[in-house]
Amino acid sequence: MDRSKENSPVAGPIEEESTVMMDSTDKSCYWNGKRFDEGTVVCDRGTAYECSLGQWVKRKEPC
């Protein structure tokens, strides 16, 4: 991730299922200034991140 460009927040892996309140806001994510849709997975140095509700969630499995 290039921190000099627009990026969405990154969260750690989610260990268990949880309930999330949904709203009508844009749920896309940004990575190095590029917009990605909800559910998109990107890889950075062997780590996979999934766009979820406007933030990147670190996945347990590597890419």
Protein backbone atom coordinates (compact mmCIF):
# COMPACT_ATOMS: atom_id res chain seq x y z
CA MET A 1 0.00 0.00 0.00
CA ASP A 2 1.33 3.38 -1.00
CA ARG A 3 0.49 5.66 1.95
CA SER A 4 1.00 8.78 -0.20
CA LYS A 5 -2.18 7.87 -2.15
CA GLU A 6 -5.82 7.59 -1.09
CA ASN A 7 -6.47 4.35 0.83
CA SER A 8 -9.38 3.05 2.89
CA PRO A 9 -8.82 1.90 6.50
CA VAL A 10 -7.49 -1.64 7.10
CA ALA A 11 -8.96 -3.94 9.76
CA GLY A 12 -7.51 -7.18 11.08
CA PRO A 13 -9.01 -10.57 10.26
CA ILE A 14 -12.48 -11.22 11.64
CA GLU A 15 -12.34 -14.24 13.94
CA GLU A 16 -16.07 -14.93 14.17
CA GLU A 17 -19.34 -13.99 12.52
CA SER A 18 -20.87 -10.71 13.58
CA THR A 19 -23.93 -8.65 12.78
CA VAL A 20 -23.34 -5.42 10.90
CA MET A 21 -25.79 -2.55 10.47
CA MET A 22 -26.04 -1.69 6.77
CA ASP A 23 -26.78 1.76 5.40
CA SER A 24 -26.96 3.29 1.94
CA THR A 25 -23.48 4.84 1.95
CA ASP A 26 -20.88 3.94 -0.64
CA LYS A 27 -19.22 0.69 0.41
CA SER A 28 -16.37 0.80 -2.10
CA CYS A 29 -12.73 0.88 -0.99
CA TYR A 30 -9.65 2.71 -2.22
CA TRP A 31 -6.20 1.17 -2.65
CA ASN A 32 -3.35 3.35 -3.93
CA GLY A 33 -5.84 5.86 -5.29
CA LYS A 34 -7.94 3.29 -7.20
CA ARG A 35 -11.59 2.56 -6.34
CA PHE A 36 -12.64 -1.07 -5.77
CA ASP A 37 -16.13 -2.54 -5.32
CA GLU A 38 -17.38 -4.36 -2.23
CA GLY A 39 -16.00 -7.94 -2.15
CA THR A 40 -12.87 -7.23 -4.22
CA VAL A 41 -9.68 -8.89 -2.95
CA VAL A 42 -6.27 -7.26 -3.43
CA CYS A 43 -2.85 -8.68 -2.59
CA ASP A 44 0.03 -6.76 -1.06
CA ARG A 45 3.33 -8.48 -0.26
CA GLY A 46 1.67 -11.88 0.16
CA THR A 47 -1.22 -10.63 2.30
CA ALA A 48 -4.80 -10.64 0.98
CA TYR A 49 -7.25 -7.84 1.84
CA GLU A 50 -10.99 -7.88 1.05
CA CYS A 51 -13.09 -4.75 0.57
CA SER A 52 -15.90 -4.88 3.12
CA LEU A 53 -18.20 -1.97 3.97
CA GLY A 54 -15.69 0.66 2.84
CA GLN A 55 -12.63 -0.75 4.58
CA TRP A 56 -10.05 -3.42 3.83
CA VAL A 57 -10.25 -6.55 5.98
CA LYS A 58 -7.10 -8.64 6.25
CA ARG A 59 -7.88 -12.24 5.27
CA LYS A 60 -6.49 -15.22 7.15
CA GLU A 61 -5.29 -16.99 4.02
CA PRO A 62 -2.33 -15.55 2.07
CA CYS A 63 -2.57 -14.65 -1.61
